[in-house]
Structures are given as structure tokens and as C-alpha cells.
Amino acid sequence: MRDGIKVAAEETLLTPRFYTTDFDEMERLFSKEINPNINMEELNACLAEFRQDYNKKHFVRNQTFAPAAAAIQGPTRKIFIEFLERSCTAEFSGFLLYKELARRLKDSAPEVAEMFLLTSRDEARHAGFINKALSDFNLALDLGFMTKNRTYTFFKPKFIIYATFLSEKIGYWRYISIYRHLQRNPDCQLYPLFEYFESWCQDENRHGDFLAAILKAKPELLQGWEAKLWSRFFCLSVYITMYLNDHQVPGGQPWHGDFLAAILKAKPELLQGWEAKLWSRFFCLSVYITMYLNDHQRTTFYESLGMNTTQFNRHVILETNRSTERLFPQVPDVESPVFWERMDRLLELTAKLRELDGGSLPAPLKAIARLPILERLIANMLQIFLISPKDCGSRDLESSIANLAV
């Protein structure tokens, strides 16, 4: 690739992913002709917020960026570049998905399409700002190349809404937690990017609330045992992955959330019944596990900001779960001591895998030695999923369902 253009990180289970969905089904889901009774009240409120574009003039760089980047050296510089790359990739992934949803829904659901378009505007702004930060380190990501060559992960429409809702909400709590910590400890402020996180995270939260409103407008997407299962799975997988990833030693907001919440609220059937409860748990757990694993791979980064990775992760997961239980019919009980015992056991097992992979055993013997560790990993994740969940959900969802029945 060209000089100064960073080769994208190798795709693994824990790297930020690009997503796609069944866009034809998404059109049917929100078509006014097919679904004339979609509750648009909260969605339209989100749209009015999006049109305000509160952060239009927020992402303006100053003269402190380049000198701050030059002062970051050694292992901290390497892990900081990885942080910027992962963050840029995640934001750009959201931009691509939301932009395509806007394009496909513009005729069948113009208001929802406009909200996705404005969400993609925010994500593009974030990705561009981070990529400009990479230029302070004499690097940049070739986003056009990534668009064409990245592997895309497919999710059905209702699952893509679950997953993006959780992603936006957890993004809010990560950004605001880092921002508040650095405000209390200004001598740990390595780089001026973090000074932008307070307003930045409000984009994430608004997007999440929009997606929640979509689900509330289609309540069938949150009903039944299947929905409960997926809710738990996604929450746990993200929590665990973040916890483990951030603790690995390298060798490793309220707008968007409001938007996604509004989507869920506009489809209240997505949040009802035992299926919805099971899927809710599934999605929550997958999100929490992913975050826990991801963040624990990058302990050095958080330590460079004066943070304790485990405390940071636990705070983010607890707050995200509290936000999520206002909407999802079921979430994992992350306040149970057993939950954290199992999460830390996952850290130990993944550390053993890394130690094994870095050893001198021949490849066939490594593969055999990995099997019992992987077996314990899977068993531990299953035990986390089977911890008694919390039944919850939006109170105002009941009124939405009652109105539909009238």
C-alpha cells in the first residue's frame, strides 16, 4: 500500500466488524403500506433532534494535536495507534451500514431513512476525525480499500437493530467514562482527542435511542423466547469480549442510543414475549463478552491513561446493562458476583491460549493442546448464559401494545 497508509489489522474474532443485512426484509419491516400502524411519535422526535446537528461544529482540530502525538513514544505509541485504528474502523463500519439502510428505505419509509442518513453523517464525521488523528502519527487508513475488501458479517434485520443498539449504548458509556476520568486526572490526558468525548458520546446515545424507538414501534421484534435468548446472548458476548480483549497485554453516547431505542419503541412487538426475553439476554451477553475480551487485550492503553482496565470495564458493563434493561425484555444479571467470577475465569483461559500460541510447540501439538482450553472456555460462557437473568423492559411499551390492540 502507499507510503503513510496503514495496512488494516488482520481480521479476528475480536476486531471491529463490517455488517450487512437483508435490506429487502428491512424495507418490508418499515414500509408504511405494509405496516400502516407503526408508531412514529418517538421516531419523529428523534428525527427532530437529529436535524439539529448539535455537533456540526464540534469536530474542529486545534494546534495541540501534532505535538501531543509526537510526545507519545515506545509501546504506548503502538497501542495508541491500535486504539485509533480500531475506533476508526468501528465508526466507519457504522457509516457504511447506516448509509445503505438510508438508501434502501428512502421510498418505503422516508422518515426512518432520513434518520439512518443523519446517523451515517455522524459516523462518517467520527471516522474522519479519528483518521485525521492517525495522520498525526504519519499514518492513515485507506477506507475505500477497506470498503471493498473487508469481510461483511450478515445479521437478520431485527438482530442488526439489537446489535447496533447495544453497540451505540456501550460506546456512549465507554466514551463518557474515559472523558470523566481524564477530567478528574488532567495529567493523564495523553492526546487532545479525548477532550472531544463529552459531546461525541451524545451522538452515540442519540443513535441508540433511535434504534430503541424502532424496536418499540415494532413490538413483535421483542416478543417470545427467541427474543429473550438473543438479548442475553448479544449482551454477554460483547461484555465478555471487551473484558478479555482490554486485559490482554499487547504483544493488543445520549444520540445514537436514542435513535436505536426509538426504532425498537416504534416496533414494540420486537420487545415482547419469552422469545424476545431470550434474544435480549443473548444479545446483551454477546456485547458484554466482546467488550470485556477486547479491552483486556489492551491493558497497557488504559494504564497509560491512568485507568484500571477491570474497574473501567465493570463500570461500563454495569451502566450499559442498566440502560439496556429499560428496553430489552431480559438482560443478564451483571451485578451477580458469579457473573464476574466467570468473566475473570475467561481472562485466565484466554491468557493460557495466548501463552500456548506464543510457545514453541509444533502446530499439530498446539492444536491438540488448545482443545481442552477451548472446551473450558465454551463451558464457562455457557455457565455465564445460564446465570438467572433479570426480566425487565420498557414500561411505556405496554401502552404502545395496548394502543395497537384498540
Protein backbone atom coordinates (compact mmCIF):
# COMPACT_ATOMS: atom_id res chain seq x y z
CA MET A 1 0.00 0.00 0.00
CA ARG A 2 1.03 3.65 -0.36
CA ASP A 3 3.52 5.28 2.00
CA GLY A 4 1.76 6.53 5.11
CA ILE A 5 -1.26 4.30 4.51
CA LYS A 6 -1.63 1.82 7.32
CA VAL A 7 -2.33 -1.79 6.44
CA ALA A 8 -5.60 -2.72 8.14
CA ALA A 9 -5.29 -5.05 11.10
CA GLU A 10 -5.83 -8.74 10.46
CA GLU A 11 -9.46 -9.70 10.96
CA THR A 12 -10.04 -11.87 14.03
CA LEU A 13 -12.97 -12.75 16.27
CA LEU A 14 -12.31 -9.60 18.30
CA THR A 15 -11.64 -6.99 15.59
CA PRO A 16 -14.40 -4.48 14.68
CA ARG A 17 -16.64 -5.97 12.00
CA PHE A 18 -18.47 -4.69 8.95
CA TYR A 19 -22.15 -5.68 8.89
CA THR A 20 -24.81 -6.26 6.30
CA THR A 21 -28.42 -7.41 6.50
CA ASP A 22 -31.44 -8.42 4.43
CA PHE A 23 -32.31 -4.98 3.08
CA ASP A 24 -35.46 -6.25 1.34
CA GLU A 25 -36.79 -7.54 4.66
CA MET A 26 -35.83 -4.25 6.30
CA GLU A 27 -37.90 -2.41 3.67
CA ARG A 28 -40.89 -4.64 4.40
CA LEU A 29 -40.44 -4.13 8.13
CA PHE A 30 -40.80 -0.35 7.95
CA SER A 31 -42.95 0.12 4.85
CA LYS A 32 -45.90 2.38 5.61
CA GLU A 33 -48.02 0.48 3.09
CA ILE A 34 -47.35 -2.88 4.74
CA ASN A 35 -47.30 -1.55 8.32
CA PRO A 36 -49.61 1.50 8.41
CA ASN A 37 -49.91 1.38 12.24
CA ILE A 38 -46.22 1.90 13.01
CA ASN A 39 -45.92 4.26 15.98
CA MET A 40 -43.93 7.19 14.58
CA GLU A 41 -44.31 9.60 17.52
CA GLU A 42 -40.98 8.82 19.19
CA LEU A 43 -39.21 8.31 15.87
CA ASN A 44 -40.27 11.76 14.70
CA ALA A 45 -38.99 13.24 17.98
CA CYS A 46 -35.64 11.58 17.28
CA LEU A 47 -35.65 12.96 13.74
CA ALA A 48 -36.16 16.50 15.05
CA GLU A 49 -33.14 16.01 17.34
CA PHE A 50 -31.00 14.66 14.50
CA ARG A 51 -31.82 17.61 12.27
CA GLN A 52 -30.46 19.99 14.92
CA ASP A 53 -26.97 18.53 14.31
CA TYR A 54 -25.67 19.72 17.66
CA ASN A 55 -22.11 18.60 16.91
CA LYS A 56 -21.85 20.18 13.47
CA LYS A 57 -19.03 22.49 14.59
CA HIS A 58 -17.67 20.31 17.38
CA PHE A 59 -15.04 18.29 15.49
CA VAL A 60 -12.58 21.09 14.76
CA ARG A 61 -8.93 20.34 15.46
CA ASN A 62 -6.54 22.74 17.15
CA GLN A 63 -2.77 23.17 17.31
CA THR A 64 -2.27 20.76 20.21
CA PHE A 65 -2.80 17.51 18.28
CA ALA A 66 0.51 17.12 16.43
CA PRO A 67 2.80 17.99 19.38
CA ALA A 68 0.86 15.62 21.64
CA ALA A 69 1.22 12.79 19.11
CA ALA A 70 4.96 13.42 18.80
CA ALA A 71 5.32 13.07 22.58
CA ILE A 72 3.74 9.59 22.61
CA GLN A 73 6.57 7.11 22.10
CA GLY A 74 7.52 3.48 22.68
CA PRO A 75 4.93 0.79 23.47
CA THR A 76 2.34 3.44 24.35
CA ARG A 77 2.56 4.86 20.81
CA LYS A 78 1.99 1.43 19.30
CA ILE A 79 -1.04 0.64 21.45
CA PHE A 80 -2.45 4.14 20.92
CA ILE A 81 -2.27 3.71 17.13
CA GLU A 82 -4.12 0.39 17.55
CA PHE A 83 -6.80 2.20 19.56
CA LEU A 84 -7.22 4.82 16.83
CA GLU A 85 -7.36 2.18 14.11
CA ARG A 86 -10.00 0.09 15.88
CA SER A 87 -12.07 3.16 16.71
CA CYS A 88 -11.92 4.46 13.14
CA THR A 89 -12.84 1.04 11.73
CA ALA A 90 -15.83 0.72 14.08
CA GLU A 91 -17.15 4.20 13.24
CA PHE A 92 -16.66 3.65 9.51
CA SER A 93 -18.44 0.29 9.72
CA GLY A 94 -21.46 2.06 11.22
CA PHE A 95 -21.36 4.70 8.49
CA LEU A 96 -21.50 2.07 5.72
CA LEU A 97 -24.39 0.15 7.29
CA TYR A 98 -26.50 3.21 8.11
CA LYS A 99 -25.90 4.81 4.72
CA GLU A 100 -27.06 1.69 2.88
CA LEU A 101 -30.14 1.43 5.12
CA ALA A 102 -30.95 5.07 4.32
CA ARG A 103 -30.64 4.39 0.59
CA ARG A 104 -32.84 1.29 0.69
CA LEU A 105 -35.58 2.79 2.90
CA LYS A 106 -35.93 6.21 1.26
CA ASP A 107 -39.05 5.22 -0.73
CA SER A 108 -40.78 2.81 1.67
CA ALA A 109 -40.05 4.66 4.94
CA PRO A 110 -38.68 8.15 4.21
CA GLU A 111 -38.60 9.36 7.85
CA VAL A 112 -36.71 6.28 9.05
CA ALA A 113 -34.42 6.58 6.01
CA GLU A 114 -33.60 10.19 6.88
CA MET A 115 -32.72 9.18 10.44
CA PHE A 116 -30.38 6.48 9.19
CA LEU A 117 -28.85 9.01 6.80
CA LEU A 118 -28.24 11.50 9.60
CA THR A 119 -26.80 8.72 11.74
CA SER A 120 -24.40 7.83 8.93
CA ARG A 121 -23.45 11.53 8.80
CA ASP A 122 -22.37 11.37 12.43
CA GLU A 123 -20.46 8.10 11.98
CA ALA A 124 -18.62 9.46 8.93
CA ARG A 125 -17.70 12.58 10.89
CA HIS A 126 -16.32 10.46 13.73
CA ALA A 127 -14.35 8.16 11.40
CA GLY A 128 -12.87 11.11 9.51
CA PHE A 129 -11.85 12.85 12.72
CA ILE A 130 -10.09 9.72 14.00
CA ASN A 131 -8.42 9.08 10.65
CA LYS A 132 -7.13 12.66 10.74
CA ALA A 133 -5.72 11.89 14.19
CA LEU A 134 -3.85 8.94 12.67
CA SER A 135 -2.18 11.43 10.33
CA ASP A 136 -0.52 12.94 13.41
CA PHE A 137 1.29 9.60 13.63
CA ASN A 138 2.14 9.75 9.88
CA LEU A 139 -0.46 7.08 9.10
CA ALA A 140 -3.98 6.81 7.69
CA LEU A 141 -6.48 4.05 6.97
CA ASP A 142 -7.47 3.54 3.34
CA LEU A 143 -11.21 3.49 3.98
CA GLY A 144 -12.07 2.94 0.32
CA PHE A 145 -9.88 -0.16 0.22
CA MET A 146 -11.49 -1.45 3.42
CA THR A 147 -14.97 -0.93 1.97
CA LYS A 148 -14.21 -3.21 -0.96
CA ASN A 149 -12.04 -5.83 0.74
CA ARG A 150 -13.37 -6.26 4.28
CA THR A 151 -15.41 -9.34 5.17
CA TYR A 152 -19.04 -8.43 5.91
CA THR A 153 -20.96 -10.24 8.69
CA PHE A 154 -24.65 -10.90 7.98
CA PHE A 155 -27.37 -10.37 10.59
CA LYS A 156 -31.13 -10.54 10.12
CA PRO A 157 -32.78 -7.10 10.42
CA LYS A 158 -34.08 -7.43 13.96
CA PHE A 159 -30.70 -8.73 15.13
CA ILE A 160 -28.84 -5.92 13.41
CA ILE A 161 -31.05 -3.47 15.34
CA TYR A 162 -30.36 -5.29 18.63
CA ALA A 163 -26.62 -5.37 17.95
CA THR A 164 -26.27 -1.76 16.81
CA PHE A 165 -28.40 -0.53 19.72
CA LEU A 166 -26.05 -2.22 22.18
CA SER A 167 -23.00 -1.03 20.27
CA GLU A 168 -24.14 2.59 20.42
CA LYS A 169 -25.06 2.42 24.10
CA ILE A 170 -21.83 0.76 25.14
CA GLY A 171 -19.94 3.30 23.02
CA TYR A 172 -21.61 6.09 24.97
CA TRP A 173 -20.59 4.65 28.34
CA ARG A 174 -17.03 3.98 27.21
CA TYR A 175 -16.51 7.49 25.85
CA ILE A 176 -18.14 9.32 28.75
CA SER A 177 -16.29 7.20 31.33
CA ILE A 178 -12.91 7.94 29.73
CA TYR A 179 -13.80 11.63 29.44
CA ARG A 180 -14.85 11.94 33.09
CA HIS A 181 -11.74 10.09 34.29
CA LEU A 182 -9.45 12.42 32.33
CA GLN A 183 -11.30 15.49 33.57
CA ARG A 184 -10.52 14.33 37.10
CA ASN A 185 -6.93 13.45 36.14
CA PRO A 186 -5.80 16.03 33.53
CA ASP A 187 -2.16 14.97 33.83
CA CYS A 188 -3.17 11.63 32.22
CA GLN A 189 -4.54 13.40 29.11
CA LEU A 190 -2.16 11.94 26.52
CA TYR A 191 -3.83 13.38 23.46
CA PRO A 192 -6.48 16.09 22.84
CA LEU A 193 -8.86 13.65 21.07
CA PHE A 194 -10.29 12.71 24.47
CA GLU A 195 -11.34 16.30 25.14
CA TYR A 196 -13.99 15.86 22.42
CA PHE A 197 -15.57 12.78 24.01
CA GLU A 198 -18.25 14.54 26.10
CA SER A 199 -20.23 15.85 23.11
CA TRP A 200 -19.11 12.96 20.90
CA CYS A 201 -20.71 10.39 23.21
CA GLN A 202 -24.03 12.21 22.94
CA ASP A 203 -24.10 11.20 19.27
CA GLU A 204 -23.75 7.57 20.35
CA ASN A 205 -26.56 7.83 22.88
CA ARG A 206 -28.96 9.53 20.48
CA HIS A 207 -28.34 6.85 17.87
CA GLY A 208 -29.07 4.15 20.43
CA ASP A 209 -32.32 5.79 21.48
CA PHE A 210 -33.40 6.00 17.84
CA LEU A 211 -32.89 2.26 17.41
CA ALA A 212 -34.76 1.60 20.65
CA ALA A 213 -37.68 3.63 19.28
CA ILE A 214 -37.65 1.48 16.15
CA LEU A 215 -37.98 -1.66 18.25
CA LYS A 216 -40.78 -0.15 20.30
CA ALA A 217 -42.59 0.76 17.10
CA LYS A 218 -42.39 -2.93 16.07
CA PRO A 219 -43.12 -4.74 19.37
CA GLU A 220 -43.21 -8.14 17.67
CA LEU A 221 -39.42 -7.93 17.37
CA LEU A 222 -39.13 -8.07 21.16
CA GLN A 223 -41.61 -10.85 21.89
CA GLY A 224 -41.20 -14.53 22.64
CA TRP A 225 -38.49 -16.86 23.89
CA GLU A 226 -36.32 -16.25 20.83
CA ALA A 227 -36.04 -12.53 21.51
CA LYS A 228 -35.13 -13.17 25.16
CA LEU A 229 -32.43 -15.60 24.08
CA TRP A 230 -30.84 -13.22 21.58
CA SER A 231 -30.97 -10.32 24.03
CA ARG A 232 -28.98 -12.28 26.58
CA PHE A 233 -26.57 -13.66 24.00
CA PHE A 234 -25.62 -10.32 22.46
CA CYS A 235 -25.17 -8.62 25.81
CA LEU A 236 -22.93 -11.38 27.15
CA SER A 237 -20.81 -11.84 24.04
CA VAL A 238 -19.97 -8.14 23.87
CA TYR A 239 -19.34 -7.83 27.61
CA ILE A 240 -17.06 -10.86 27.73
CA THR A 241 -15.12 -10.00 24.58
CA MET A 242 -14.49 -6.43 25.75
CA TYR A 243 -13.39 -7.63 29.18
CA LEU A 244 -10.90 -10.16 27.83
CA ASN A 245 -9.59 -8.06 24.95
CA ASP A 246 -8.84 -5.00 27.07
CA HIS A 247 -6.97 -7.02 29.69
CA GLN A 248 -4.62 -8.62 27.18
CA VAL A 249 -1.11 -7.22 27.37
CA PRO A 250 -0.13 -6.23 23.79
CA GLY A 251 2.30 -8.33 22.24
CA GLY A 252 -3.46 -5.77 21.82
CA GLN A 253 -23.21 8.25 23.90
CA PRO A 254 -27.12 10.38 24.59
CA TRP A 255 -27.82 10.37 20.49
CA HIS A 256 -27.03 7.19 18.62
CA GLY A 257 -28.50 5.22 21.52
CA ASP A 258 -31.65 7.38 21.43
CA PHE A 259 -32.05 6.70 17.71
CA LEU A 260 -31.78 2.92 18.12
CA ALA A 261 -34.09 2.95 21.13
CA ALA A 262 -36.66 4.88 19.10
CA ILE A 263 -36.51 2.23 16.37
CA LEU A 264 -37.21 -0.51 18.91
CA LYS A 265 -40.02 1.50 20.51
CA ALA A 266 -41.59 2.04 17.10
CA LYS A 267 -41.78 -1.75 16.72
CA PRO A 268 -42.87 -2.85 20.25
CA GLU A 269 -43.57 -6.39 19.08
CA LEU A 270 -39.77 -6.80 18.97
CA LEU A 271 -39.68 -6.49 22.76
CA GLN A 272 -42.47 -8.82 23.87
CA GLY A 273 -42.81 -12.43 24.92
CA TRP A 274 -40.45 -15.15 26.05
CA GLU A 275 -38.66 -15.27 22.67
CA ALA A 276 -37.84 -11.57 22.98
CA LYS A 277 -36.52 -12.13 26.50
CA LEU A 278 -34.18 -14.92 25.43
CA TRP A 279 -32.85 -12.95 22.46
CA SER A 280 -32.41 -9.89 24.67
CA ARG A 281 -30.22 -11.86 27.04
CA PHE A 282 -28.31 -13.38 24.12
CA PHE A 283 -27.52 -10.01 22.55
CA CYS A 284 -26.57 -8.39 25.85
CA LEU A 285 -24.18 -11.18 26.78
CA SER A 286 -22.55 -11.23 23.35
CA VAL A 287 -21.95 -7.46 23.54
CA TYR A 288 -20.59 -7.56 27.09
CA ILE A 289 -18.34 -10.56 26.47
CA THR A 290 -16.96 -8.99 23.28
CA MET A 291 -16.14 -5.74 25.07
CA TYR A 292 -14.59 -7.48 28.09
CA LEU A 293 -12.34 -9.63 25.89
CA ASN A 294 -11.39 -6.74 23.62
CA ASP A 295 -10.50 -4.28 26.35
CA HIS A 296 -8.44 -6.72 28.38
CA GLN A 297 -6.17 -7.23 25.38
CA ARG A 298 -5.27 -3.54 25.74
CA THR A 299 -4.49 -3.11 29.41
CA THR A 300 -1.40 -1.04 28.51
CA PHE A 301 -3.57 1.55 26.73
CA TYR A 302 -5.87 2.10 29.70
CA GLU A 303 -2.95 2.13 32.13
CA SER A 304 -1.34 4.87 30.01
CA LEU A 305 -4.47 6.96 30.74
CA GLY A 306 -4.17 6.22 34.45
CA MET A 307 -7.15 3.83 34.40
CA ASN A 308 -7.68 0.36 35.83
CA THR A 309 -8.92 -1.81 32.96
CA THR A 310 -11.04 -4.12 35.10
CA GLN A 311 -12.71 -1.29 37.01
CA PHE A 312 -13.35 0.59 33.76
CA ASN A 313 -14.89 -2.46 32.08
CA ARG A 314 -17.07 -3.33 35.04
CA HIS A 315 -18.37 0.23 35.26
CA VAL A 316 -19.16 0.36 31.52
CA ILE A 317 -20.92 -3.02 31.56
CA LEU A 318 -22.98 -2.17 34.66
CA GLU A 319 -24.12 1.17 33.21
CA THR A 320 -24.81 -0.27 29.75
CA ASN A 321 -26.88 -3.05 31.29
CA ARG A 322 -28.88 -0.52 33.32
CA SER A 323 -29.58 1.45 30.14
CA THR A 324 -30.47 -1.71 28.21
CA GLU A 325 -32.87 -3.11 30.80
CA ARG A 326 -35.15 -0.10 30.20
CA LEU A 327 -35.87 -1.58 26.78
CA PHE A 328 -34.92 -5.25 26.40
CA PRO A 329 -37.35 -7.81 27.88
CA GLN A 330 -34.49 -9.67 29.57
CA VAL A 331 -30.84 -8.94 30.37
CA PRO A 332 -28.07 -10.84 32.19
CA ASP A 333 -27.64 -10.19 35.90
CA VAL A 334 -24.25 -8.46 35.74
CA GLU A 335 -24.48 -7.47 39.41
CA SER A 336 -24.17 -11.10 40.47
CA PRO A 337 -20.72 -11.97 41.92
CA VAL A 338 -20.87 -15.24 39.97
CA PHE A 339 -21.01 -13.27 36.72
CA TRP A 340 -17.68 -11.56 37.42
CA GLU A 341 -16.07 -14.76 38.70
CA ARG A 342 -16.89 -16.39 35.37
CA MET A 343 -15.73 -13.36 33.39
CA ASP A 344 -12.36 -13.40 35.15
CA ARG A 345 -12.12 -17.14 34.55
CA LEU A 346 -12.44 -16.36 30.83
CA LEU A 347 -9.50 -13.98 31.20
CA GLU A 348 -7.38 -16.77 32.68
CA LEU A 349 -8.30 -19.20 29.91
CA THR A 350 -7.62 -16.74 27.09
CA ALA A 351 -4.25 -15.92 28.69
CA LYS A 352 -3.42 -19.64 28.56
CA LEU A 353 -4.36 -19.70 24.88
CA ARG A 354 -2.08 -16.74 24.13
CA GLU A 355 0.76 -18.35 26.06
CA LEU A 356 0.26 -21.58 24.13
CA ASP A 357 0.11 -19.79 20.76
CA GLY A 358 3.35 -17.95 21.54
CA GLY A 359 5.16 -21.13 22.57
CA SER A 360 7.48 -23.36 20.58
CA LEU A 361 5.25 -26.43 20.24
CA PRO A 362 4.76 -27.72 16.68
CA ALA A 363 1.46 -26.65 15.13
CA PRO A 364 -0.23 -30.11 15.37
CA LEU A 365 0.59 -30.36 19.09
CA LYS A 366 -0.60 -26.79 19.67
CA ALA A 367 -3.93 -27.66 18.06
CA ILE A 368 -4.33 -30.64 20.39
CA ALA A 369 -3.28 -28.64 23.46
CA ARG A 370 -5.82 -25.92 22.61
CA LEU A 371 -8.79 -28.30 22.67
CA PRO A 372 -9.25 -28.68 26.46
CA ILE A 373 -8.78 -24.92 26.96
CA LEU A 374 -11.37 -24.16 24.28
CA GLU A 375 -13.71 -26.70 25.86
CA ARG A 376 -13.43 -24.92 29.22
CA LEU A 377 -13.94 -21.55 27.51
CA ILE A 378 -17.17 -22.72 25.89
CA ALA A 379 -18.37 -24.34 29.12
CA ASN A 380 -17.65 -21.15 31.04
CA MET A 381 -19.55 -18.99 28.53
CA LEU A 382 -22.50 -21.38 28.77
CA GLN A 383 -22.42 -21.12 32.56
CA ILE A 384 -22.49 -17.32 32.25
CA PHE A 385 -25.51 -17.54 29.97
CA LEU A 386 -27.32 -19.83 32.42
CA ILE A 387 -26.97 -17.43 35.37
CA SER A 388 -30.51 -16.39 36.33
CA PRO A 389 -31.35 -13.34 34.17
CA LYS A 390 -33.30 -10.19 35.01
CA ASP A 391 -36.74 -9.76 33.47
CA CYS A 392 -37.25 -6.12 32.59
CA GLY A 393 -38.40 -3.99 29.67
CA SER A 394 -39.85 -0.60 28.86
CA ARG A 395 -42.92 0.44 30.84
CA ASP A 396 -44.16 2.69 28.06
CA LEU A 397 -44.01 -0.31 25.73
CA GLU A 398 -47.13 -1.69 27.43
CA SER A 399 -49.12 1.38 26.43
CA SER A 400 -47.86 1.05 22.85
CA ILE A 401 -49.13 -2.53 22.73
CA ALA A 402 -52.46 -1.54 24.29
CA ASN A 403 -52.92 1.16 21.66
CA LEU A 404 -52.23 -1.35 18.90
CA ALA A 405 -54.90 -3.65 20.32
CA VAL A 406 -57.59 -0.92 20.38
